[in-house]
Structures are given as structure tokens and as C-alpha cells.
Amino acid sequence: MALEDYLHNAVGRLRASFSSSRSGFINYLTKYDLKDYFSPDVPEAQRAQFRNSLEKKLDEHLARYDKELNGLGRKIVSKGTMGLAVANDLYAYVSNVPIANVTGLGYALFAIKTLAEIPALYQYAKKSGDWYGAITHLLLKPVRYLIPVIGPALESGAFERMVRKRVMKEVALDFIREHGEYQPLKDRVQKHLASTPVGDAIYRPRLQTA
């Protein structure tokens, strides 16, 4: 069950990272990382307070990474080069152009995009401390380059997806640090009951006799 939950969480985070919608981030966080705070067991008024707090933190973290998410120059180069890379791959299937020419142009386009985003990637890693994410982002470039059409399309928004995942992670951690680990109602009832004389007798481990 834990593995299933982890996979659902990973898929949900990936889907949210493809969108720049603020509501998409909120939906992901309330459904996965912070679901205990927004379950039906939580009083409606408290859920509303939690949501207000979550939206405020999300806005703060999005503002923190605004330059990385919305850098105009880098985005123009990224969209432009990868758009040409997609067209280049499609052209390879319908023309008699030598494969070396097609792959060479594709490599050059990926290289131009990578060089254009290095300053933003360095600033992101320095700001977030997410050096693992930055290195992984670079290591996945050759993999995307080898996948015709789809690879360049994925590479186009890969940098932004990395930053969005980081934003969601930081927001969740920040939220938990402020509000503490949330215990489901049944766990709180059990804990309270165990502290009473009757509950202590029920939940006390029984001694094993020889």
C-alpha cells in the first residue's frame, strides 16, 4: 500500500509540474502531500484556515522562483530551439536528408538550449540547494535527445518542471513546519484513550509468560 501511495504521489506531482496553474499546485498538495490536513475528518473552518495558509505559502515560494520560472530570454531560446528540434525530427521522416545532418542539427539545438539555461540553472541550484535535481536535469538531456519528436518536446519545459517540483516540495515542508504533523482523528482518539486508566489497560502490551 505504501508503494502504491508513493507511485500515486509521484504521478500526481509530475502531472502538476506540467502545468503553470496555481490551482493545479493547490490541488496536488491538498490531495497528496498534505492530504491529512484537508480530509473530511478536519472541521471545515480549520480546513479553510489551512487552505489560506497554503495559498499564502505557495505565493511566497512562486515569487521566490519567479526569475527561474519566467525568465523571458531563456524561455524564448528554449521554446525556439526545441520547436526547431521537433520540426527537424519530423523532417527527417519525410525527406532524404542524410541522417548525419539531421542528428547534427538536433545536437546543436540541444547544446544552444543548454548553454542558454546554465546561468538560470546555477542560480536555481544555489538558491534551492537542489544540486541533485540540477545534475539530474543535465543527465536527462542525452536521453531526451535520443527520443525523436517527443524528446525535444519534453526538453522544452524540463527546466520549469524541475523548478515547479521544488516549489511544491518547499511549500509542503514549510506548511508542515508551521502547523506540525497532522494526526488523523482516529489516531488522536486512540492516543487520548490510551492515556486514560481504561485505555492504558487495553493498550498496555501483555507480558509474555514462559
C-alpha atoms as a PDB file:
ATOM      1  CA  MET A   1       0.000   0.000   0.000  1.00  0.00           C
ATOM      2  CA  ALA A   2       2.903   2.331   0.814  1.00  0.00           C
ATOM      3  CA  LEU A   3       4.404   1.709  -2.633  1.00  0.00           C
ATOM      4  CA  GLU A   4       1.044   2.392  -4.289  1.00  0.00           C
ATOM      5  CA  ASP A   5       0.697   5.665  -2.387  1.00  0.00           C
ATOM      6  CA  TYR A   6       4.236   6.660  -3.360  1.00  0.00           C
ATOM      7  CA  LEU A   7       3.546   5.981  -7.039  1.00  0.00           C
ATOM      8  CA  HIS A   8       0.269   7.926  -6.963  1.00  0.00           C
ATOM      9  CA  ASN A   9       2.100  10.800  -5.263  1.00  0.00           C
ATOM     10  CA  ALA A  10       4.912  10.758  -7.847  1.00  0.00           C
ATOM     11  CA  VAL A  11       2.472  10.683 -10.770  1.00  0.00           C
ATOM     12  CA  GLY A  12       0.410  13.489  -9.246  1.00  0.00           C
ATOM     13  CA  ARG A  13       3.498  15.655  -8.717  1.00  0.00           C
ATOM     14  CA  LEU A  14       4.639  15.027 -12.287  1.00  0.00           C
ATOM     15  CA  ARG A  15       1.235  15.982 -13.700  1.00  0.00           C
ATOM     16  CA  ALA A  16       1.144  19.158 -11.599  1.00  0.00           C
ATOM     17  CA  SER A  17       4.660  20.099 -12.759  1.00  0.00           C
ATOM     18  CA  PHE A  18       3.494  20.175 -16.380  1.00  0.00           C
ATOM     19  CA  SER A  19       1.084  22.979 -15.535  1.00  0.00           C
ATOM     20  CA  SER A  20       1.839  26.552 -14.538  1.00  0.00           C
ATOM     21  CA  SER A  21      -1.615  26.794 -12.967  1.00  0.00           C
ATOM     22  CA  ARG A  22      -1.609  27.864  -9.334  1.00  0.00           C
ATOM     23  CA  SER A  23      -4.808  25.868  -8.761  1.00  0.00           C
ATOM     24  CA  GLY A  24      -3.049  22.772 -10.102  1.00  0.00           C
ATOM     25  CA  PHE A  25      -0.369  23.083  -7.408  1.00  0.00           C
ATOM     26  CA  ILE A  26      -3.008  23.556  -4.702  1.00  0.00           C
ATOM     27  CA  ASN A  27      -4.966  20.526  -5.910  1.00  0.00           C
ATOM     28  CA  TYR A  28      -1.835  18.371  -5.869  1.00  0.00           C
ATOM     29  CA  LEU A  29      -0.743  19.451  -2.393  1.00  0.00           C
ATOM     30  CA  THR A  30      -4.189  19.025  -0.828  1.00  0.00           C
ATOM     31  CA  LYS A  31      -4.697  15.641  -2.492  1.00  0.00           C
ATOM     32  CA  TYR A  32      -1.274  14.139  -1.823  1.00  0.00           C
ATOM     33  CA  ASP A  33       1.481  15.727   0.276  1.00  0.00           C
ATOM     34  CA  LEU A  34      -0.870  17.497   2.700  1.00  0.00           C
ATOM     35  CA  LYS A  35      -3.977  15.343   2.343  1.00  0.00           C
ATOM     36  CA  ASP A  36      -4.345  14.686   6.106  1.00  0.00           C
ATOM     37  CA  TYR A  37      -4.863  18.413   6.730  1.00  0.00           C
ATOM     38  CA  PHE A  38      -7.706  18.536   4.195  1.00  0.00           C
ATOM     39  CA  SER A  39      -9.512  15.260   4.898  1.00  0.00           C
ATOM     40  CA  PRO A  40     -13.232  15.197   5.803  1.00  0.00           C
ATOM     41  CA  ASP A  41     -12.209  14.493   9.425  1.00  0.00           C
ATOM     42  CA  VAL A  42     -10.861  18.033   9.704  1.00  0.00           C
ATOM     43  CA  PRO A  43     -13.500  20.642  10.616  1.00  0.00           C
ATOM     44  CA  GLU A  44     -14.476  22.829   7.676  1.00  0.00           C
ATOM     45  CA  ALA A  45     -13.391  26.043   9.386  1.00  0.00           C
ATOM     46  CA  GLN A  46      -9.961  24.594  10.081  1.00  0.00           C
ATOM     47  CA  ARG A  47      -9.640  23.337   6.514  1.00  0.00           C
ATOM     48  CA  ALA A  48     -10.362  26.869   5.329  1.00  0.00           C
ATOM     49  CA  GLN A  49      -7.609  28.214   7.587  1.00  0.00           C
ATOM     50  CA  PHE A  50      -5.205  25.590   6.315  1.00  0.00           C
ATOM     51  CA  ARG A  51      -6.052  26.461   2.711  1.00  0.00           C
ATOM     52  CA  ASN A  52      -5.473  30.168   3.289  1.00  0.00           C
ATOM     53  CA  SER A  53      -2.112  29.364   4.848  1.00  0.00           C
ATOM     54  CA  LEU A  54      -1.223  27.032   1.963  1.00  0.00           C
ATOM     55  CA  GLU A  55      -2.135  29.602  -0.701  1.00  0.00           C
ATOM     56  CA  LYS A  56      -0.060  32.258   1.059  1.00  0.00           C
ATOM     57  CA  LYS A  57       2.985  29.984   1.234  1.00  0.00           C
ATOM     58  CA  LEU A  58       2.589  28.956  -2.393  1.00  0.00           C
ATOM     59  CA  ASP A  59       2.505  32.597  -3.493  1.00  0.00           C
ATOM     60  CA  GLU A  60       5.653  33.286  -1.452  1.00  0.00           C
ATOM     61  CA  HIS A  61       7.591  30.408  -2.980  1.00  0.00           C
ATOM     62  CA  LEU A  62       6.405  31.137  -6.519  1.00  0.00           C
ATOM     63  CA  ALA A  63       7.600  34.711  -6.054  1.00  0.00           C
ATOM     64  CA  ARG A  64      10.939  33.397  -4.795  1.00  0.00           C
ATOM     65  CA  TYR A  65      11.480  31.425  -8.002  1.00  0.00           C
ATOM     66  CA  ASP A  66       9.789  33.877 -10.365  1.00  0.00           C
ATOM     67  CA  LYS A  67      13.013  34.654 -12.251  1.00  0.00           C
ATOM     68  CA  GLU A  68      13.738  30.954 -12.793  1.00  0.00           C
ATOM     69  CA  LEU A  69      10.176  30.168 -13.872  1.00  0.00           C
ATOM     70  CA  ASN A  70       9.569  33.203 -16.071  1.00  0.00           C
ATOM     71  CA  GLY A  71      12.969  34.307 -17.396  1.00  0.00           C
ATOM     72  CA  LEU A  72      11.994  35.670 -20.817  1.00  0.00           C
ATOM     73  CA  GLY A  73      15.306  35.294 -22.632  1.00  0.00           C
ATOM     74  CA  ARG A  74      15.850  31.713 -21.537  1.00  0.00           C
ATOM     75  CA  LYS A  75      12.255  30.745 -22.377  1.00  0.00           C
ATOM     76  CA  ILE A  76      12.489  32.231 -25.874  1.00  0.00           C
ATOM     77  CA  VAL A  77      15.668  30.248 -26.570  1.00  0.00           C
ATOM     78  CA  SER A  78      14.192  27.107 -25.003  1.00  0.00           C
ATOM     79  CA  LYS A  79      10.918  27.177 -26.927  1.00  0.00           C
ATOM     80  CA  GLY A  80      12.592  28.279 -30.139  1.00  0.00           C
ATOM     81  CA  THR A  81      15.363  25.675 -30.204  1.00  0.00           C
ATOM     82  CA  MET A  82      13.165  22.790 -29.149  1.00  0.00           C
ATOM     83  CA  GLY A  83      10.458  23.814 -31.613  1.00  0.00           C
ATOM     84  CA  LEU A  84      13.075  23.634 -34.354  1.00  0.00           C
ATOM     85  CA  ALA A  85      14.299  20.304 -32.957  1.00  0.00           C
ATOM     86  CA  VAL A  86      10.798  18.833 -33.200  1.00  0.00           C
ATOM     87  CA  ALA A  87      10.471  20.136 -36.771  1.00  0.00           C
ATOM     88  CA  ASN A  88      13.918  18.760 -37.564  1.00  0.00           C
ATOM     89  CA  ASP A  89      12.959  15.288 -36.324  1.00  0.00           C
ATOM     90  CA  LEU A  90       9.705  15.331 -38.280  1.00  0.00           C
ATOM     91  CA  TYR A  91      11.531  16.498 -41.398  1.00  0.00           C
ATOM     92  CA  ALA A  92      13.906  13.544 -41.094  1.00  0.00           C
ATOM     93  CA  TYR A  93      10.990  11.154 -41.565  1.00  0.00           C
ATOM     94  CA  VAL A  94       9.649  12.765 -44.751  1.00  0.00           C
ATOM     95  CA  SER A  95      12.843  13.725 -46.549  1.00  0.00           C
ATOM     96  CA  ASN A  96      16.013  12.207 -47.936  1.00  0.00           C
ATOM     97  CA  VAL A  97      18.315  14.414 -45.890  1.00  0.00           C
ATOM     98  CA  PRO A  98      21.392  12.464 -44.654  1.00  0.00           C
ATOM     99  CA  ILE A  99      20.836  11.286 -41.091  1.00  0.00           C
ATOM    100  CA  ALA A 100      24.147  12.850 -40.026  1.00  0.00           C
ATOM    101  CA  ASN A 101      22.837  16.285 -40.991  1.00  0.00           C
ATOM    102  CA  VAL A 102      19.621  15.777 -39.023  1.00  0.00           C
ATOM    103  CA  THR A 103      21.308  14.474 -35.887  1.00  0.00           C
ATOM    104  CA  GLY A 104      23.966  17.177 -36.080  1.00  0.00           C
ATOM    105  CA  LEU A 105      21.391  19.960 -36.152  1.00  0.00           C
ATOM    106  CA  GLY A 106      19.462  18.341 -33.314  1.00  0.00           C
ATOM    107  CA  TYR A 107      22.614  18.137 -31.201  1.00  0.00           C
ATOM    108  CA  ALA A 108      23.408  21.787 -31.914  1.00  0.00           C
ATOM    109  CA  LEU A 109      19.908  22.888 -30.888  1.00  0.00           C
ATOM    110  CA  PHE A 110      20.116  20.943 -27.606  1.00  0.00           C
ATOM    111  CA  ALA A 111      23.564  22.447 -26.962  1.00  0.00           C
ATOM    112  CA  ILE A 112      22.290  26.008 -27.565  1.00  0.00           C
ATOM    113  CA  LYS A 113      19.389  25.472 -25.163  1.00  0.00           C
ATOM    114  CA  THR A 114      21.697  24.008 -22.504  1.00  0.00           C
ATOM    115  CA  LEU A 115      24.144  26.913 -22.731  1.00  0.00           C
ATOM    116  CA  ALA A 116      21.304  29.420 -22.524  1.00  0.00           C
ATOM    117  CA  GLU A 117      19.906  27.926 -19.315  1.00  0.00           C
ATOM    118  CA  ILE A 118      23.201  27.319 -17.449  1.00  0.00           C
ATOM    119  CA  PRO A 119      23.115  30.692 -15.607  1.00  0.00           C
ATOM    120  CA  ALA A 120      19.499  30.108 -14.504  1.00  0.00           C
ATOM    121  CA  LEU A 121      20.286  26.501 -13.561  1.00  0.00           C
ATOM    122  CA  TYR A 122      23.207  27.607 -11.404  1.00  0.00           C
ATOM    123  CA  GLN A 123      21.135  30.306  -9.690  1.00  0.00           C
ATOM    124  CA  TYR A 124      18.343  27.812  -9.081  1.00  0.00           C
ATOM    125  CA  ALA A 125      20.685  25.226  -7.534  1.00  0.00           C
ATOM    126  CA  LYS A 126      22.401  27.868  -5.396  1.00  0.00           C
ATOM    127  CA  LYS A 127      19.093  29.298  -4.188  1.00  0.00           C
ATOM    128  CA  SER A 128      17.328  25.986  -3.511  1.00  0.00           C
ATOM    129  CA  GLY A 129      20.250  23.734  -2.604  1.00  0.00           C
ATOM    130  CA  ASP A 130      18.785  21.221  -5.042  1.00  0.00           C
ATOM    131  CA  TRP A 131      22.065  20.260  -6.713  1.00  0.00           C
ATOM    132  CA  TYR A 132      20.788  16.702  -7.191  1.00  0.00           C
ATOM    133  CA  GLY A 133      17.833  17.984  -9.207  1.00  0.00           C
ATOM    134  CA  ALA A 134      20.065  20.259 -11.291  1.00  0.00           C
ATOM    135  CA  ILE A 135      22.521  17.457 -12.087  1.00  0.00           C
ATOM    136  CA  THR A 136      19.679  15.047 -12.888  1.00  0.00           C
ATOM    137  CA  HIS A 137      18.218  17.659 -15.232  1.00  0.00           C
ATOM    138  CA  LEU A 138      21.506  17.773 -17.144  1.00  0.00           C
ATOM    139  CA  LEU A 139      21.924  13.983 -17.213  1.00  0.00           C
ATOM    140  CA  LEU A 140      18.463  13.519 -18.747  1.00  0.00           C
ATOM    141  CA  LYS A 141      19.254  15.751 -21.724  1.00  0.00           C
ATOM    142  CA  PRO A 142      21.040  12.997 -23.732  1.00  0.00           C
ATOM    143  CA  VAL A 143      18.125  10.661 -23.050  1.00  0.00           C
ATOM    144  CA  ARG A 144      15.612  13.184 -24.402  1.00  0.00           C
ATOM    145  CA  TYR A 145      17.874  13.908 -27.373  1.00  0.00           C
ATOM    146  CA  LEU A 146      17.734  10.239 -28.381  1.00  0.00           C
ATOM    147  CA  ILE A 147      13.910  10.169 -28.432  1.00  0.00           C
ATOM    148  CA  PRO A 148      12.625  11.588 -31.751  1.00  0.00           C
ATOM    149  CA  VAL A 149       9.986  14.354 -31.621  1.00  0.00           C
ATOM    150  CA  ILE A 150       8.814  13.555 -28.061  1.00  0.00           C
ATOM    151  CA  GLY A 151      12.268  14.094 -26.558  1.00  0.00           C
ATOM    152  CA  PRO A 152      12.637  17.723 -27.717  1.00  0.00           C
ATOM    153  CA  ALA A 153       9.020  18.421 -26.729  1.00  0.00           C
ATOM    154  CA  LEU A 154       9.767  17.200 -23.191  1.00  0.00           C
ATOM    155  CA  GLU A 155      13.063  19.057 -23.072  1.00  0.00           C
ATOM    156  CA  SER A 156      11.300  22.311 -23.935  1.00  0.00           C
ATOM    157  CA  GLY A 157       9.718  22.679 -20.489  1.00  0.00           C
ATOM    158  CA  ALA A 158      12.048  20.447 -18.462  1.00  0.00           C
ATOM    159  CA  PHE A 159      13.697  23.309 -16.569  1.00  0.00           C
ATOM    160  CA  GLU A 160      10.360  24.788 -15.483  1.00  0.00           C
ATOM    161  CA  ARG A 161       9.072  21.362 -14.391  1.00  0.00           C
ATOM    162  CA  MET A 162      12.130  20.890 -12.193  1.00  0.00           C
ATOM    163  CA  VAL A 163      11.557  24.251 -10.516  1.00  0.00           C
ATOM    164  CA  ARG A 164       7.814  23.620 -10.038  1.00  0.00           C
ATOM    165  CA  LYS A 165       8.510  20.289  -8.326  1.00  0.00           C
ATOM    166  CA  ARG A 166      10.886  22.067  -5.990  1.00  0.00           C
ATOM    167  CA  VAL A 167       8.323  24.766  -5.248  1.00  0.00           C
ATOM    168  CA  MET A 168       5.703  22.166  -4.297  1.00  0.00           C
ATOM    169  CA  LYS A 169       8.193  20.335  -2.075  1.00  0.00           C
ATOM    170  CA  GLU A 170       9.276  23.506  -0.284  1.00  0.00           C
ATOM    171  CA  VAL A 171       5.692  24.663   0.217  1.00  0.00           C
ATOM    172  CA  ALA A 172       4.712  21.302   1.758  1.00  0.00           C
ATOM    173  CA  LEU A 173       7.715  21.287   4.119  1.00  0.00           C
ATOM    174  CA  ASP A 174       7.149  24.911   5.098  1.00  0.00           C
ATOM    175  CA  PHE A 175       3.469  24.218   5.771  1.00  0.00           C
ATOM    176  CA  ILE A 176       4.228  21.176   7.953  1.00  0.00           C
ATOM    177  CA  ARG A 177       6.891  23.065   9.900  1.00  0.00           C
ATOM    178  CA  GLU A 178       4.335  25.750  10.773  1.00  0.00           C
ATOM    179  CA  HIS A 179       1.340  23.545  11.533  1.00  0.00           C
ATOM    180  CA  GLY A 180       3.052  20.366  12.747  1.00  0.00           C
ATOM    181  CA  GLU A 181       2.429  16.806  11.687  1.00  0.00           C
ATOM    182  CA  TYR A 182      -1.315  16.312  11.440  1.00  0.00           C
ATOM    183  CA  GLN A 183      -2.749  13.245  13.124  1.00  0.00           C
ATOM    184  CA  PRO A 184      -5.962  11.712  11.750  1.00  0.00           C
ATOM    185  CA  LEU A 185      -8.937  11.810  14.126  1.00  0.00           C
ATOM    186  CA  LYS A 186      -8.850   8.070  14.891  1.00  0.00           C
ATOM    187  CA  ASP A 187      -5.169   8.306  15.886  1.00  0.00           C
ATOM    188  CA  ARG A 188      -5.852  11.248  18.189  1.00  0.00           C
ATOM    189  CA  VAL A 189      -8.773   9.395  19.813  1.00  0.00           C
ATOM    190  CA  GLN A 190      -6.653   6.291  20.305  1.00  0.00           C
ATOM    191  CA  LYS A 191      -3.806   8.315  21.791  1.00  0.00           C
ATOM    192  CA  HIS A 192      -6.167  10.093  24.186  1.00  0.00           C
ATOM    193  CA  LEU A 193      -7.862   6.840  25.174  1.00  0.00           C
ATOM    194  CA  ALA A 194      -4.541   5.160  25.812  1.00  0.00           C
ATOM    195  CA  SER A 195      -3.695   7.859  28.360  1.00  0.00           C
ATOM    196  CA  THR A 196      -6.743   7.014  30.497  1.00  0.00           C
ATOM    197  CA  PRO A 197      -6.753   4.175  33.081  1.00  0.00           C
ATOM    198  CA  VAL A 198      -9.176   2.116  30.972  1.00  0.00           C
ATOM    199  CA  GLY A 199      -7.304   2.763  27.765  1.00  0.00           C
ATOM    200  CA  ASP A 200      -3.981   2.051  29.436  1.00  0.00           C
ATOM    201  CA  ALA A 201      -5.272  -1.367  30.412  1.00  0.00           C
ATOM    202  CA  ILE A 202      -6.474  -2.007  26.850  1.00  0.00           C
ATOM    203  CA  TYR A 203      -3.371  -0.862  25.017  1.00  0.00           C
ATOM    204  CA  ARG A 204      -0.698  -1.947  27.534  1.00  0.00           C
ATOM    205  CA  PRO A 205       1.434  -4.717  25.968  1.00  0.00           C
ATOM    206  CA  ARG A 206       0.815  -8.038  27.656  1.00  0.00           C
ATOM    207  CA  LEU A 207       3.781  -9.704  29.318  1.00  0.00           C
ATOM    208  CA  GLN A 208       4.760 -12.979  27.725  1.00  0.00           C
ATOM    209  CA  THR A 209       4.854 -15.789  30.223  1.00  0.00           C
ATOM    210  CA  ALA A 210       7.206 -18.703  29.908  1.00  0.00           C
END
